[in-house]
Amino acid sequence: MRWILLGIVLTAFTSVGQAADRPNIVILYADDMGYGDLHANNPDSKIPTPNLDRLASEGMRFTDAHSSSGICTPSRYALLTGRYHWRKFHDIVYAFGPPVIADDEFTLPEMLKAQGYRTACIGKWHLGWNWTGLLRPDAHVKKDRGNLVIPPDAFDWNQSITGGPTSHGFDYYFGDDVPNFPPYAWIENDRVVEPPTVMLTETPKTPEGKWNARRGPAVADWDFWDVVPRLADKAVDWIGDQKGKQQPFFLYVPFNSPHSPIVPTPEFAGKSKAGPFGDFVAMTDAMAGKILQALKDNGFEDNTLVLFTADNGAENYAYARLENFGHWSSAPFRGVKRDLYEGGHHVPFLVRWPGHVKPGSVNDSLTSQVDIMGTLAAIVEAGLPADAAHDSYNQQANWTTEEVGRRTTIVHNTFAKAYAIRDGNWLLIQAESGSHNRVPAWFNQQKGYTEDHQPGELYDLAIDPAQKHNLYSEKPQLVETLSQKLKQIRSRGQVR
């Protein structure tokens, strides 16, 4: 099936020479970074983000962009396939979990590779691998809260690991899969660089929040603080390696920051006024800056489309951060990671493409990361198979002209039993609450949220972006209309 799909796409590609005239594409993908953490989005942010702010000034800043989910794995799946995650699954891939992208699913890197692009993923994959293929016959496996707990000697680390990035269209991969999941080791392409020999069971105290590191195999000297800088350096090196080659390139850099463990290196300690998390965001900004500088230094800046966004909103430590430092990661919205409220999935979204995207432009159109695949397909003139990227809109005109985009509707979802639908300025939450987190009483009091027990929630985001005024009971006809539209999208496919 995969080769049939690739054959369809390859008919649109006639020569490497043609492909070389197309833009290089770089996607920088932050992890657990709130809309209000980016200074360009939030003048009151207490976190300096000069490199990303400059990227915004050199391109287009979207104010109404959304990830597919309020958690990691589903959003990454949607970005790379152009499909809402909830058509297939909801939760994350746990430690040593299998791939969520099927062998015959058509992906963004496969599409670009068929158009002559060199493709690389450097960073957090978190979409699963076929780890069981490495297990020895006598392997001892336990399960802890969805995570497999397996000692290092249970694996044959000399074998290749299938199902990862190089199985789904990337020519090159370097990363540690998930920074707080085993194995704690570098993976290059489909093999570990150094076999894990010890069992990580304890970690030092993290500067903020919880460590969240699951038990499992690790290399003896694994350094959590080294991960983000190492990924940035690898991305810089890979960009340098493309100089002089007659192919355009696609580089996907899914950072593992500012996700926990929150481990800013010493030179970034105190760089923000929002505590260690703020320092980690500042560090992420600096690493993005190194990658952007590498594009410039190697002569790629003028012909590279750069997109920056994040997989979901900030972790629920954001409440303590507001209380302790006066910084609200989700500003001006309600909610955090996992939530159906805006703070769970309303994310930063910047696009720079010299000569095509107007510098310093701001676009208030509704957009989704699901649209990235369809938009890039249009830009590189790739024909998408009919059974691929089902939910992805071509937003090229929206990116390049500041026109109101074609998308008017988005379905929000994190967990299986709760959905929301955004239609124009209206948002319907089909649940008693849009929160999946325990919200501190002081926060509700400070922000003016009161208990309002209704079967669902309805908000007019044009006048109530903080989602304080639930209109569910006041507009039953609109609730019914939106409910039917959500049902139709879920059962029949996307409605444009």
Protein backbone atom coordinates (compact mmCIF):
# COMPACT_ATOMS: atom_id res chain seq x y z
CA MET A 1 0.00 0.00 0.00
CA ARG A 2 2.78 2.44 0.91
CA TRP A 3 4.50 2.00 -2.44
CA ILE A 4 1.26 2.61 -4.31
CA LEU A 5 0.82 5.88 -2.44
CA LEU A 6 4.39 6.94 -3.12
CA GLY A 7 3.90 6.11 -6.77
CA ILE A 8 0.92 8.44 -6.97
CA VAL A 9 2.90 11.28 -5.46
CA LEU A 10 5.98 10.63 -7.57
CA THR A 11 4.00 11.28 -10.74
CA ALA A 12 3.98 14.95 -9.74
CA PHE A 13 7.80 15.00 -9.51
CA THR A 14 9.84 15.11 -12.70
CA SER A 15 13.40 15.86 -11.66
CA VAL A 16 15.66 16.68 -8.74
CA GLY A 17 16.44 19.93 -10.53
CA GLN A 18 12.83 21.04 -10.26
CA ALA A 19 12.71 20.11 -6.60
CA ALA A 20 15.85 22.13 -5.90
CA ASP A 21 13.95 25.31 -6.82
CA ARG A 22 11.47 24.69 -4.03
CA PRO A 23 11.99 26.10 -0.54
CA ASN A 24 13.82 24.29 2.18
CA ILE A 25 11.43 23.63 5.07
CA VAL A 26 12.26 23.72 8.77
CA ILE A 27 9.69 22.99 11.49
CA LEU A 28 10.71 23.89 15.04
CA TYR A 29 8.32 22.24 17.49
CA ALA A 30 8.35 23.16 21.17
CA ASP A 31 7.05 20.83 23.87
CA ASP A 32 4.56 22.10 26.50
CA MET A 33 5.02 25.78 25.64
CA GLY A 34 2.03 28.00 26.28
CA TYR A 35 0.73 30.71 23.97
CA GLY A 36 1.55 33.33 26.59
CA ASP A 37 5.13 32.14 27.10
CA LEU A 38 6.16 33.70 23.79
CA HIS A 39 6.85 37.38 24.34
CA ALA A 40 5.65 38.25 20.83
CA ASN A 41 2.22 36.91 21.83
CA ASN A 42 2.16 38.31 25.35
CA PRO A 43 3.75 41.68 26.16
CA ASP A 44 3.37 40.81 29.85
CA SER A 45 5.42 37.62 29.52
CA LYS A 46 8.28 37.48 32.00
CA ILE A 47 10.31 35.24 29.70
CA PRO A 48 12.70 36.69 27.12
CA THR A 49 12.27 35.05 23.70
CA PRO A 50 14.32 37.35 21.43
CA ASN A 51 15.03 34.80 18.70
CA LEU A 52 11.43 33.70 18.29
CA ASP A 53 10.24 37.30 18.57
CA ARG A 54 12.60 38.16 15.71
CA LEU A 55 11.23 35.22 13.72
CA ALA A 56 7.74 36.66 14.26
CA SER A 57 8.92 40.11 13.10
CA GLU A 58 10.40 38.58 9.96
CA GLY A 59 7.29 36.58 9.10
CA MET A 60 3.68 36.01 10.10
CA ARG A 61 2.36 35.48 13.62
CA PHE A 62 -0.91 33.57 13.92
CA THR A 63 -3.10 34.45 16.89
CA ASP A 64 -5.66 31.65 16.53
CA ALA A 65 -3.66 28.49 15.84
CA HIS A 66 -4.23 25.12 17.49
CA SER A 67 -2.60 21.76 18.03
CA SER A 68 -4.71 18.66 17.47
CA SER A 69 -4.59 17.62 21.14
CA GLY A 70 -3.74 18.87 24.60
CA ILE A 71 -0.97 16.22 24.94
CA CYS A 72 2.21 15.18 23.11
CA THR A 73 1.79 12.09 20.92
CA PRO A 74 -1.57 12.92 19.30
CA SER A 75 -0.47 16.39 18.19
CA ARG A 76 2.72 15.02 16.63
CA TYR A 77 0.73 12.37 14.79
CA ALA A 78 -1.67 15.00 13.41
CA LEU A 79 1.16 17.26 12.27
CA LEU A 80 2.94 14.46 10.39
CA THR A 81 -0.16 12.84 8.84
CA GLY A 82 -2.64 15.67 8.28
CA ARG A 83 -5.28 13.69 10.17
CA TYR A 84 -6.99 14.43 13.47
CA HIS A 85 -5.53 12.04 16.02
CA TRP A 86 -8.95 11.16 17.43
CA ARG A 87 -9.85 9.33 14.23
CA LYS A 88 -7.43 6.68 15.48
CA PHE A 89 -6.40 7.14 19.13
CA HIS A 90 -6.27 9.62 22.03
CA ASP A 91 -3.53 8.90 24.54
CA ILE A 92 0.27 9.19 24.43
CA VAL A 93 2.68 6.39 23.58
CA TYR A 94 3.99 5.13 26.92
CA ALA A 95 7.48 3.82 27.62
CA PHE A 96 8.42 1.15 25.04
CA GLY A 97 5.04 1.54 23.35
CA PRO A 98 4.47 0.48 19.72
CA PRO A 99 4.18 2.89 16.75
CA VAL A 100 0.93 4.80 16.26
CA ILE A 101 1.71 5.54 12.60
CA ALA A 102 0.86 2.49 10.53
CA ASP A 103 3.20 1.22 7.83
CA ASP A 104 0.76 2.27 5.09
CA GLU A 105 -0.05 5.74 6.44
CA PHE A 106 1.25 8.52 4.21
CA THR A 107 3.32 11.09 6.10
CA LEU A 108 4.62 14.60 5.57
CA PRO A 109 8.28 13.50 5.22
CA GLU A 110 7.25 10.79 2.75
CA MET A 111 5.44 13.42 0.69
CA LEU A 112 8.46 15.73 0.67
CA LYS A 113 10.92 12.91 0.04
CA ALA A 114 8.92 11.94 -3.04
CA GLN A 115 9.35 15.52 -4.23
CA GLY A 116 13.13 15.26 -4.02
CA TYR A 117 13.69 16.52 -0.48
CA ARG A 118 16.34 15.26 1.93
CA THR A 119 14.53 14.73 5.22
CA ALA A 120 15.68 14.68 8.84
CA CYS A 121 14.09 14.51 12.27
CA ILE A 122 16.26 15.64 15.18
CA GLY A 123 14.60 15.54 18.60
CA LYS A 124 11.65 14.04 20.41
CA TRP A 125 9.82 11.42 18.32
CA HIS A 126 7.24 10.07 20.83
CA LEU A 127 5.25 8.19 18.20
CA GLY A 128 6.42 4.72 19.15
CA TRP A 129 8.93 2.12 17.94
CA ASN A 130 8.89 -1.66 17.61
CA TRP A 131 10.90 -2.16 20.79
CA THR A 132 9.62 -5.70 21.30
CA GLY A 133 11.66 -6.76 18.27
CA LEU A 134 14.80 -6.21 20.37
CA LEU A 135 13.67 -8.25 23.37
CA ARG A 136 15.49 -11.45 24.17
CA PRO A 137 13.37 -14.62 24.54
CA ASP A 138 13.87 -14.68 28.32
CA ALA A 139 13.14 -10.95 28.82
CA HIS A 140 11.52 -10.02 32.13
CA VAL A 141 8.85 -7.35 31.59
CA LYS A 142 6.71 -5.54 34.14
CA LYS A 143 4.03 -2.89 33.65
CA ASP A 144 3.64 0.28 35.69
CA ARG A 145 0.79 2.72 34.91
CA GLY A 146 0.89 1.97 31.20
CA ASN A 147 4.68 1.98 31.00
CA LEU A 148 6.71 -1.17 30.40
CA VAL A 149 9.53 -1.59 32.93
CA ILE A 150 12.30 -3.63 31.32
CA PRO A 151 15.93 -4.06 32.48
CA PRO A 152 18.75 -3.19 30.04
CA ASP A 153 19.98 -6.78 29.63
CA ALA A 154 16.57 -7.82 28.30
CA PHE A 155 17.34 -6.14 24.97
CA ASP A 156 19.66 -7.03 22.12
CA TRP A 157 20.83 -3.46 21.54
CA ASN A 158 22.75 -4.46 18.40
CA GLN A 159 19.54 -4.87 16.44
CA SER A 160 17.87 -2.11 14.45
CA ILE A 161 14.68 -0.57 15.84
CA THR A 162 11.90 -0.36 13.26
CA GLY A 163 8.78 1.78 13.30
CA GLY A 164 10.56 5.04 14.09
CA PRO A 165 11.34 8.12 11.96
CA THR A 166 13.38 6.30 9.31
CA SER A 167 10.45 3.92 8.80
CA HIS A 168 8.15 6.83 7.99
CA GLY A 169 9.99 9.01 5.48
CA PHE A 170 12.92 10.53 7.33
CA ASP A 171 16.35 9.89 5.81
CA TYR A 172 18.02 10.71 9.12
CA TYR A 173 17.09 10.70 12.79
CA PHE A 174 18.96 11.71 15.91
CA GLY A 175 17.43 12.01 19.35
CA ASP A 176 16.52 10.29 22.58
CA ASP A 177 12.93 9.49 21.54
CA VAL A 178 11.28 10.89 24.72
CA PRO A 179 13.45 12.70 27.30
CA ASN A 180 11.67 11.32 30.35
CA PHE A 181 11.06 7.79 29.02
CA PRO A 182 13.56 4.96 28.67
CA PRO A 183 15.82 4.08 27.07
CA TYR A 184 17.94 7.00 28.21
CA ALA A 185 20.32 6.83 25.29
CA TRP A 186 20.96 8.55 21.98
CA ILE A 187 19.39 6.95 18.94
CA GLU A 188 20.81 7.59 15.47
CA ASN A 189 18.65 6.47 12.59
CA ASP A 190 17.40 3.07 13.83
CA ARG A 191 20.05 2.07 16.41
CA VAL A 192 21.21 3.19 19.81
CA VAL A 193 24.56 4.98 19.67
CA GLU A 194 25.69 3.46 22.98
CA PRO A 195 23.91 0.47 24.55
CA PRO A 196 22.27 1.18 27.93
CA THR A 197 23.89 -0.79 30.74
CA VAL A 198 22.27 0.51 33.92
CA MET A 199 18.73 0.82 35.25
CA LEU A 200 17.62 4.38 35.95
CA THR A 201 15.48 4.22 39.09
CA GLU A 202 16.23 7.51 40.86
CA THR A 203 16.74 11.07 39.66
CA PRO A 204 17.93 14.22 41.40
CA LYS A 205 15.47 16.90 42.44
CA THR A 206 14.29 18.94 39.49
CA PRO A 207 14.29 22.74 39.85
CA GLU A 208 10.53 22.99 39.19
CA GLY A 209 7.64 20.55 38.91
CA LYS A 210 8.13 16.79 38.85
CA TRP A 211 10.93 14.84 37.25
CA ASN A 212 8.52 12.49 35.45
CA ALA A 213 11.36 10.14 34.43
CA ARG A 214 10.09 6.56 34.11
CA ARG A 215 12.24 3.67 35.30
CA GLY A 216 14.27 1.93 32.64
CA PRO A 217 17.56 1.32 30.82
CA ALA A 218 20.10 4.14 30.59
CA VAL A 219 23.67 4.72 29.54
CA ALA A 220 25.85 5.04 32.61
CA ASP A 221 26.58 8.77 32.31
CA TRP A 222 23.26 9.99 30.89
CA ASP A 223 22.94 13.77 31.35
CA PHE A 224 19.42 15.21 31.20
CA TRP A 225 20.83 18.76 31.05
CA ASP A 226 22.74 17.95 27.86
CA VAL A 227 19.77 16.85 25.79
CA VAL A 228 18.45 20.16 24.42
CA PRO A 229 21.89 21.62 23.58
CA ARG A 230 22.94 18.36 21.92
CA LEU A 231 19.84 18.34 19.73
CA ALA A 232 20.44 21.95 18.67
CA ASP A 233 24.08 21.21 17.83
CA LYS A 234 23.07 18.17 15.79
CA ALA A 235 20.53 20.26 13.87
CA VAL A 236 23.18 22.91 13.20
CA ASP A 237 25.61 20.26 11.96
CA TRP A 238 22.98 18.66 9.72
CA ILE A 239 22.15 22.02 8.14
CA GLY A 240 25.84 22.56 7.47
CA ASP A 241 26.04 19.17 5.78
CA GLN A 242 23.40 20.27 3.24
CA LYS A 243 25.57 23.07 1.85
CA GLY A 244 26.41 22.50 -1.78
CA LYS A 245 23.91 19.70 -2.28
CA GLN A 246 21.47 19.99 -5.16
CA GLN A 247 18.42 19.01 -3.14
CA PRO A 248 16.04 21.00 -0.98
CA PHE A 249 15.72 19.76 2.58
CA PHE A 250 13.09 19.25 5.23
CA LEU A 251 14.27 19.44 8.84
CA TYR A 252 11.84 18.66 11.66
CA VAL A 253 13.19 19.63 15.08
CA PRO A 254 10.77 18.53 17.82
CA PHE A 255 12.39 19.91 20.97
CA ASN A 256 11.78 18.13 24.26
CA SER A 257 11.65 21.50 26.01
CA PRO A 258 10.22 23.16 28.01
CA HIS A 259 8.58 19.81 28.94
CA SER A 260 9.56 18.33 32.31
CA PRO A 261 12.10 17.49 33.53
CA ILE A 262 12.70 21.23 33.66
CA VAL A 263 16.48 21.34 33.34
CA PRO A 264 17.86 24.65 32.07
CA THR A 265 21.64 24.59 31.91
CA PRO A 266 23.55 26.86 34.33
CA GLU A 267 24.08 29.68 31.82
CA PHE A 268 20.31 30.12 31.55
CA ALA A 269 19.57 30.09 35.26
CA GLY A 270 17.88 33.38 36.12
CA LYS A 271 17.49 34.46 32.50
CA SER A 272 13.76 34.90 33.01
CA LYS A 273 11.60 36.29 35.76
CA ALA A 274 9.36 33.23 35.66
CA GLY A 275 11.46 30.67 37.54
CA PRO A 276 13.23 27.58 36.17
CA PHE A 277 10.50 26.91 33.61
CA GLY A 278 10.89 30.43 32.29
CA ASP A 279 14.63 29.86 32.09
CA PHE A 280 13.99 26.63 30.17
CA VAL A 281 11.78 28.50 27.69
CA ALA A 282 14.56 31.09 27.31
CA MET A 283 16.97 28.24 26.65
CA THR A 284 14.62 26.77 24.05
CA ASP A 285 14.48 30.16 22.37
CA ALA A 286 18.29 30.30 22.32
CA MET A 287 18.54 26.82 20.77
CA ALA A 288 16.01 27.82 18.11
CA GLY A 289 18.17 30.88 17.54
CA LYS A 290 21.24 28.69 16.92
CA ILE A 291 19.34 26.75 14.27
CA LEU A 292 18.08 29.93 12.61
CA GLN A 293 21.61 31.32 12.61
CA ALA A 294 22.87 28.13 10.96
CA LEU A 295 20.41 28.67 8.11
CA LYS A 296 21.81 32.16 7.65
CA ASP A 297 25.46 31.15 7.98
CA ASN A 298 25.08 28.44 5.33
CA GLY A 299 23.23 30.64 2.86
CA PHE A 300 19.82 29.00 3.26
CA GLU A 301 17.87 31.76 5.01
CA ASP A 302 16.39 33.39 1.91
CA ASN A 303 15.02 30.15 0.47
CA THR A 304 13.82 28.43 3.63
CA LEU A 305 10.30 28.33 5.02
CA VAL A 306 10.56 28.21 8.81
CA LEU A 307 7.59 27.28 10.97
CA PHE A 308 7.59 27.43 14.76
CA THR A 309 4.81 26.07 16.95
CA ALA A 310 4.21 23.81 20.00
CA ASP A 311 2.48 20.50 20.62
CA ASN A 312 0.14 21.75 23.37
CA GLY A 313 -0.11 24.23 26.21
CA ALA A 314 2.00 24.47 29.34
CA GLU A 315 1.91 21.78 32.06
CA ASN A 316 -0.28 22.37 35.13
CA TYR A 317 2.75 23.73 37.01
CA ALA A 318 1.63 26.93 35.29
CA TYR A 319 -0.74 27.62 38.19
CA ALA A 320 2.08 27.69 40.75
CA ARG A 321 4.14 29.78 38.33
CA LEU A 322 1.42 32.40 38.22
CA GLU A 323 1.17 32.41 41.99
CA ASN A 324 4.94 32.57 42.55
CA PHE A 325 6.12 34.74 39.68
CA GLY A 326 3.07 36.47 38.23
CA HIS A 327 3.52 34.79 34.83
CA TRP A 328 0.56 33.05 33.16
CA SER A 329 1.75 30.70 30.43
CA SER A 330 -1.68 30.49 28.80
CA ALA A 331 -2.36 34.24 28.69
CA PRO A 332 -4.88 35.49 27.73
CA PHE A 333 -6.70 32.16 27.83
CA ARG A 334 -8.09 29.68 30.33
CA GLY A 335 -6.67 26.20 30.91
CA VAL A 336 -3.40 24.32 30.53
CA LYS A 337 -2.07 21.10 28.99
CA ARG A 338 -4.72 18.34 28.58
CA ASP A 339 -7.63 20.81 28.77
CA LEU A 340 -10.34 21.45 26.20
CA TYR A 341 -10.12 25.07 27.29
CA GLU A 342 -8.02 27.23 24.99
CA GLY A 343 -4.88 26.98 27.11
CA GLY A 344 -4.65 23.27 26.32
CA HIS A 345 -4.28 23.61 22.55
CA HIS A 346 -4.15 27.31 21.55
CA VAL A 347 -0.45 27.50 20.74
CA PRO A 348 2.22 29.81 19.29
CA PHE A 349 2.45 29.61 15.50
CA LEU A 350 4.96 31.55 13.39
CA VAL A 351 5.76 31.27 9.68
CA ARG A 352 8.71 32.95 7.93
CA TRP A 353 9.30 32.57 4.21
CA PRO A 354 11.26 35.47 2.69
CA GLY A 355 9.67 36.89 -0.44
CA HIS A 356 6.39 35.09 0.21
CA VAL A 357 5.27 35.87 3.76
CA LYS A 358 5.00 39.54 4.67
CA PRO A 359 7.40 40.49 7.49
CA GLY A 360 5.76 41.59 10.72
CA SER A 361 2.31 40.42 9.63
CA VAL A 362 -0.33 39.16 12.06
CA ASN A 363 -3.06 36.75 11.03
CA ASP A 364 -6.15 36.22 13.16
CA SER A 365 -7.57 33.41 11.02
CA LEU A 366 -8.43 30.06 12.56
CA THR A 367 -5.77 27.49 11.71
CA SER A 368 -4.61 24.09 12.86
CA GLN A 369 -1.40 22.09 12.80
CA VAL A 370 -3.40 19.49 10.90
CA ASP A 371 -3.28 21.99 7.99
CA ILE A 372 0.51 21.99 7.73
CA MET A 373 0.68 18.91 5.50
CA GLY A 374 -1.95 20.16 3.04
CA THR A 375 -0.37 23.60 2.89
CA LEU A 376 3.14 22.31 2.28
CA ALA A 377 1.78 19.93 -0.35
CA ALA A 378 0.43 22.94 -2.22
CA ILE A 379 3.67 24.89 -1.84
CA VAL A 380 5.84 22.09 -3.26
CA GLU A 381 3.16 21.10 -5.78
CA ALA A 382 2.74 17.58 -4.47
CA GLY A 383 -0.42 15.67 -5.26
CA LEU A 384 -1.87 14.11 -2.14
CA PRO A 385 -3.51 10.68 -2.42
CA ALA A 386 -7.26 10.71 -1.81
CA ASP A 387 -6.92 8.57 1.30
CA ALA A 388 -4.21 10.69 2.96
CA ALA A 389 -4.21 13.91 5.02
CA HIS A 390 -7.97 13.66 5.39
CA ASP A 391 -8.36 16.72 7.61
CA SER A 392 -5.63 18.98 6.21
CA TYR A 393 -6.59 22.23 4.50
CA ASN A 394 -4.39 24.06 2.01
CA GLN A 395 -3.73 27.35 3.83
CA GLN A 396 -1.09 28.67 1.42
CA ALA A 397 -3.07 31.79 0.57
CA ASN A 398 -3.65 32.37 4.27
CA TRP A 399 0.09 32.13 5.01
CA THR A 400 1.20 34.36 2.14
CA THR A 401 -1.51 37.02 1.77
CA GLU A 402 -3.04 37.53 5.26
CA GLU A 403 -6.38 36.51 3.76
CA VAL A 404 -8.98 34.94 6.00
CA GLY A 405 -8.30 31.23 5.83
CA ARG A 406 -10.61 28.56 4.45
CA ARG A 407 -10.89 26.85 7.79
CA THR A 408 -13.87 27.84 9.91
CA THR A 409 -14.17 24.71 12.04
CA ILE A 410 -11.81 22.73 14.28
CA VAL A 411 -12.52 19.76 16.51
CA HIS A 412 -10.70 19.83 19.85
CA ASN A 413 -10.01 16.66 21.79
CA THR A 414 -7.58 15.20 24.29
CA PHE A 415 -9.27 12.19 25.87
CA ALA A 416 -11.85 9.81 24.44
CA LYS A 417 -14.98 10.97 26.25
CA ALA A 418 -14.73 14.74 25.83
CA TYR A 419 -14.82 16.75 22.61
CA ALA A 420 -15.22 20.38 21.66
CA ILE A 421 -15.98 22.07 18.36
CA ARG A 422 -14.86 25.51 17.29
CA ASP A 423 -17.03 27.07 14.57
CA GLY A 424 -16.23 30.66 13.71
CA ASN A 425 -16.07 32.49 17.03
CA TRP A 426 -18.19 29.92 18.85
CA LEU A 427 -16.80 27.11 20.96
CA LEU A 428 -18.95 24.25 22.22
CA ILE A 429 -17.50 21.90 24.84
CA GLN A 430 -19.40 18.61 25.07
CA ALA A 431 -18.47 17.97 28.69
CA GLU A 432 -19.38 19.38 32.08
CA SER A 433 -15.97 21.01 32.22
CA GLY A 434 -13.27 21.93 29.75
CA SER A 435 -10.62 21.16 32.36
CA HIS A 436 -8.82 17.84 32.81
CA ASN A 437 -6.73 19.27 35.65
CA ARG A 438 -7.40 20.22 39.25
CA VAL A 439 -7.69 24.00 39.24
CA PRO A 440 -6.64 25.83 42.43
CA ALA A 441 -9.46 27.69 44.16
CA TRP A 442 -7.32 30.83 44.40
CA PHE A 443 -6.91 30.84 40.62
CA ASN A 444 -10.65 30.75 39.99
CA GLN A 445 -11.16 33.50 42.52
CA GLN A 446 -8.36 35.65 41.10
CA LYS A 447 -9.52 35.24 37.51
CA GLY A 448 -13.23 35.53 38.23
CA TYR A 449 -14.32 31.97 37.40
CA THR A 450 -17.38 30.71 39.26
CA GLU A 451 -18.98 27.28 39.50
CA ASP A 452 -21.50 26.80 36.74
CA HIS A 453 -22.95 23.30 36.58
CA GLN A 454 -24.41 22.84 33.11
CA PRO A 455 -24.35 19.81 30.77
CA GLY A 456 -21.79 21.54 28.58
CA GLU A 457 -20.12 24.86 27.87
CA LEU A 458 -20.59 27.41 25.10
CA TYR A 459 -18.44 30.49 24.60
CA ASP A 460 -18.24 33.39 22.17
CA LEU A 461 -14.48 33.70 21.88
CA ALA A 462 -14.73 36.99 19.99
CA ILE A 463 -15.78 38.75 23.19
CA ASP A 464 -14.81 36.16 25.81
CA PRO A 465 -11.39 34.63 25.02
CA ALA A 466 -10.87 33.85 28.72
CA GLN A 467 -14.01 31.67 28.67
CA LYS A 468 -15.75 33.13 31.70
CA HIS A 469 -19.34 33.36 30.46
CA ASN A 470 -20.95 30.02 29.71
CA LEU A 471 -23.86 30.57 27.31
CA TYR A 472 -24.84 26.90 27.01
CA SER A 473 -28.28 27.24 28.60
CA GLU A 474 -29.00 30.56 26.91
CA LYS A 475 -28.55 29.32 23.33
CA PRO A 476 -30.00 25.82 23.03
CA GLN A 477 -30.54 26.07 19.27
CA LEU A 478 -26.91 26.96 18.67
CA VAL A 479 -25.83 24.14 20.98
CA GLU A 480 -27.89 21.72 18.92
CA THR A 481 -26.52 23.05 15.62
CA LEU A 482 -22.92 22.74 16.78
CA SER A 483 -23.56 19.33 18.28
CA GLN A 484 -24.86 18.05 14.96
CA LYS A 485 -21.92 19.55 13.10
CA LEU A 486 -19.50 17.84 15.48
CA LYS A 487 -21.33 14.55 15.00
CA GLN A 488 -21.14 14.93 11.24
CA ILE A 489 -17.41 15.67 11.25
CA ARG A 490 -16.66 12.74 13.51
CA SER A 491 -18.72 10.29 11.47
CA ARG A 492 -18.25 11.44 7.87
CA GLY A 493 -15.01 13.37 7.75
CA GLN A 494 -14.09 17.02 7.76
CA VAL A 495 -16.58 19.77 6.86
CA ARG A 496 -15.03 22.84 5.28
